[in-house]
Amino acid sequence: MIKEDILKRIVKDSFLTRAQAREVLNLILEEIGEALARGEKVTFVGFGTFRVVERPARKGRNPRTGKPIEIPAKKVVKFIPGKALKERINK
C-alpha cells in the first residue's frame, strides 16, 4: 500500500474531496515527522508507537573492498506495534 491508496480510501469513506483528503493526510504526516524530529514519541492507541532511537557508532566493512570503515552514530525511527495491530496480524 502506498500513500495514494490511503488517499483513495479516505475519499471513498469520507465527505472530503481528493484535494482536502490530500491536505489532511499531508498535515498528519508532517506533524508526525516534526514530533519525531523533536525527539517525541508518537502513539496511536491500538496501532503502535513511533519513536526515535540513537544507533551508536560502530565498525563495519566495505563489502566491495573488505576494508574496515567507521559507521557514524545516527538516529533512526523505530516502530513498536500495539496490541490490537499484533492481534489483527496474527489472526
C-alpha atoms as a PDB file:
ATOM      1  CA  MET A   1       0.000   0.000   0.000  1.00  0.00           C
ATOM      2  CA  ILE A   2       1.223   3.461  -0.860  1.00  0.00           C
ATOM      3  CA  LYS A   3       0.130   6.969   0.110  1.00  0.00           C
ATOM      4  CA  GLU A   4      -2.095   7.210  -2.958  1.00  0.00           C
ATOM      5  CA  ASP A   5      -4.023   4.083  -1.868  1.00  0.00           C
ATOM      6  CA  ILE A   6      -4.671   5.643   1.531  1.00  0.00           C
ATOM      7  CA  LEU A   7      -5.889   8.837  -0.159  1.00  0.00           C
ATOM      8  CA  LYS A   8      -8.354   6.882  -2.304  1.00  0.00           C
ATOM      9  CA  ARG A   9      -9.718   5.141   0.780  1.00  0.00           C
ATOM     10  CA  ILE A  10     -10.149   8.437   2.666  1.00  0.00           C
ATOM     11  CA  VAL A  11     -12.037   9.985  -0.272  1.00  0.00           C
ATOM     12  CA  LYS A  12     -14.224   6.889  -0.661  1.00  0.00           C
ATOM     13  CA  ASP A  13     -15.121   6.607   3.024  1.00  0.00           C
ATOM     14  CA  SER A  14     -15.498  10.293   3.928  1.00  0.00           C
ATOM     15  CA  PHE A  15     -17.106  13.512   2.808  1.00  0.00           C
ATOM     16  CA  LEU A  16     -13.754  15.022   1.804  1.00  0.00           C
ATOM     17  CA  THR A  17     -12.720  15.885  -1.728  1.00  0.00           C
ATOM     18  CA  ARG A  18      -9.479  14.437  -3.072  1.00  0.00           C
ATOM     19  CA  ALA A  19      -7.691  17.760  -2.519  1.00  0.00           C
ATOM     20  CA  GLN A  20      -8.967  18.040   1.047  1.00  0.00           C
ATOM     21  CA  ALA A  21      -8.024  14.440   1.824  1.00  0.00           C
ATOM     22  CA  ARG A  22      -4.517  15.006   0.430  1.00  0.00           C
ATOM     23  CA  GLU A  23      -4.123  18.131   2.568  1.00  0.00           C
ATOM     24  CA  VAL A  24      -5.269  16.333   5.728  1.00  0.00           C
ATOM     25  CA  LEU A  25      -3.005  13.333   5.097  1.00  0.00           C
ATOM     26  CA  ASN A  26      -0.025  15.594   4.375  1.00  0.00           C
ATOM     27  CA  LEU A  27      -0.687  17.571   7.577  1.00  0.00           C
ATOM     28  CA  ILE A  28      -0.840  14.379   9.638  1.00  0.00           C
ATOM     29  CA  LEU A  29       2.386  13.026   8.140  1.00  0.00           C
ATOM     30  CA  GLU A  30       4.122  16.393   8.550  1.00  0.00           C
ATOM     31  CA  GLU A  31       3.117  16.617  12.208  1.00  0.00           C
ATOM     32  CA  ILE A  32       4.337  13.068  12.885  1.00  0.00           C
ATOM     33  CA  GLY A  33       7.669  13.910  11.240  1.00  0.00           C
ATOM     34  CA  GLU A  34       8.044  17.137  13.215  1.00  0.00           C
ATOM     35  CA  ALA A  35       7.238  15.415  16.515  1.00  0.00           C
ATOM     36  CA  LEU A  36       9.837  12.710  15.811  1.00  0.00           C
ATOM     37  CA  ALA A  37      12.395  15.357  14.840  1.00  0.00           C
ATOM     38  CA  ARG A  38      11.811  16.998  18.246  1.00  0.00           C
ATOM     39  CA  GLY A  39      12.542  13.647  19.890  1.00  0.00           C
ATOM     40  CA  GLU A  40       8.951  13.000  20.928  1.00  0.00           C
ATOM     41  CA  LYS A  41       7.276   9.640  20.558  1.00  0.00           C
ATOM     42  CA  VAL A  42       4.060   9.361  18.551  1.00  0.00           C
ATOM     43  CA  THR A  43       1.463   6.879  19.776  1.00  0.00           C
ATOM     44  CA  PHE A  44      -1.698   5.675  18.062  1.00  0.00           C
ATOM     45  CA  VAL A  45      -3.506   3.604  20.700  1.00  0.00           C
ATOM     46  CA  GLY A  46      -4.133   0.109  19.369  1.00  0.00           C
ATOM     47  CA  PHE A  47      -1.953   0.685  16.315  1.00  0.00           C
ATOM     48  CA  GLY A  48       1.515   1.369  17.651  1.00  0.00           C
ATOM     49  CA  THR A  49       4.214   3.812  18.644  1.00  0.00           C
ATOM     50  CA  PHE A  50       6.893   5.547  16.613  1.00  0.00           C
ATOM     51  CA  ARG A  51       9.981   6.743  18.469  1.00  0.00           C
ATOM     52  CA  VAL A  52      13.497   7.909  17.679  1.00  0.00           C
ATOM     53  CA  VAL A  53      16.418   5.840  18.945  1.00  0.00           C
ATOM     54  CA  GLU A  54      20.128   6.545  18.682  1.00  0.00           C
ATOM     55  CA  ARG A  55      22.306   3.949  16.995  1.00  0.00           C
ATOM     56  CA  PRO A  56      25.857   4.123  18.328  1.00  0.00           C
ATOM     57  CA  ALA A  57      28.896   4.446  16.069  1.00  0.00           C
ATOM     58  CA  ARG A  58      30.328   1.089  15.068  1.00  0.00           C
ATOM     59  CA  LYS A  59      32.916  -0.545  12.903  1.00  0.00           C
ATOM     60  CA  GLY A  60      31.863  -2.070   9.617  1.00  0.00           C
ATOM     61  CA  ARG A  61      33.389  -3.429   6.464  1.00  0.00           C
ATOM     62  CA  ASN A  62      33.195  -2.112   2.914  1.00  0.00           C
ATOM     63  CA  PRO A  63      31.538  -5.002   1.049  1.00  0.00           C
ATOM     64  CA  ARG A  64      33.350  -4.164  -2.193  1.00  0.00           C
ATOM     65  CA  THR A  65      36.896  -3.850  -0.851  1.00  0.00           C
ATOM     66  CA  GLY A  66      36.691  -5.606   2.502  1.00  0.00           C
ATOM     67  CA  LYS A  67      38.408  -2.653   4.203  1.00  0.00           C
ATOM     68  CA  PRO A  68      37.205  -1.707   7.696  1.00  0.00           C
ATOM     69  CA  ILE A  69      35.212   1.515   7.955  1.00  0.00           C
ATOM     70  CA  GLU A  70      33.731   3.605  10.776  1.00  0.00           C
ATOM     71  CA  ILE A  71      29.952   3.841  10.620  1.00  0.00           C
ATOM     72  CA  PRO A  72      28.891   7.046  12.414  1.00  0.00           C
ATOM     73  CA  ALA A  73      26.193   7.211  15.081  1.00  0.00           C
ATOM     74  CA  LYS A  74      22.775   8.190  13.823  1.00  0.00           C
ATOM     75  CA  LYS A  75      19.162   8.485  14.867  1.00  0.00           C
ATOM     76  CA  VAL A  76      16.578   6.103  13.401  1.00  0.00           C
ATOM     77  CA  VAL A  77      12.814   5.744  13.750  1.00  0.00           C
ATOM     78  CA  LYS A  78      11.602   2.604  15.466  1.00  0.00           C
ATOM     79  CA  PHE A  79       8.012   1.331  15.314  1.00  0.00           C
ATOM     80  CA  ILE A  80       6.525  -0.823  18.050  1.00  0.00           C
ATOM     81  CA  PRO A  81       3.157  -2.329  17.079  1.00  0.00           C
ATOM     82  CA  GLY A  82       0.270  -2.043  19.511  1.00  0.00           C
ATOM     83  CA  LYS A  83      -1.697  -4.953  20.924  1.00  0.00           C
ATOM     84  CA  ALA A  84      -4.664  -4.588  18.544  1.00  0.00           C
ATOM     85  CA  LEU A  85      -2.374  -4.484  15.491  1.00  0.00           C
ATOM     86  CA  LYS A  86      -0.472  -7.560  16.673  1.00  0.00           C
ATOM     87  CA  GLU A  87      -3.751  -9.414  17.146  1.00  0.00           C
ATOM     88  CA  ARG A  88      -5.028  -8.375  13.709  1.00  0.00           C
ATOM     89  CA  ILE A  89      -1.843  -9.565  12.005  1.00  0.00           C
ATOM     90  CA  ASN A  90      -1.784 -12.884  13.856  1.00  0.00           C
ATOM     91  CA  LYS A  91      -5.437 -13.816  13.196  1.00  0.00           C
END
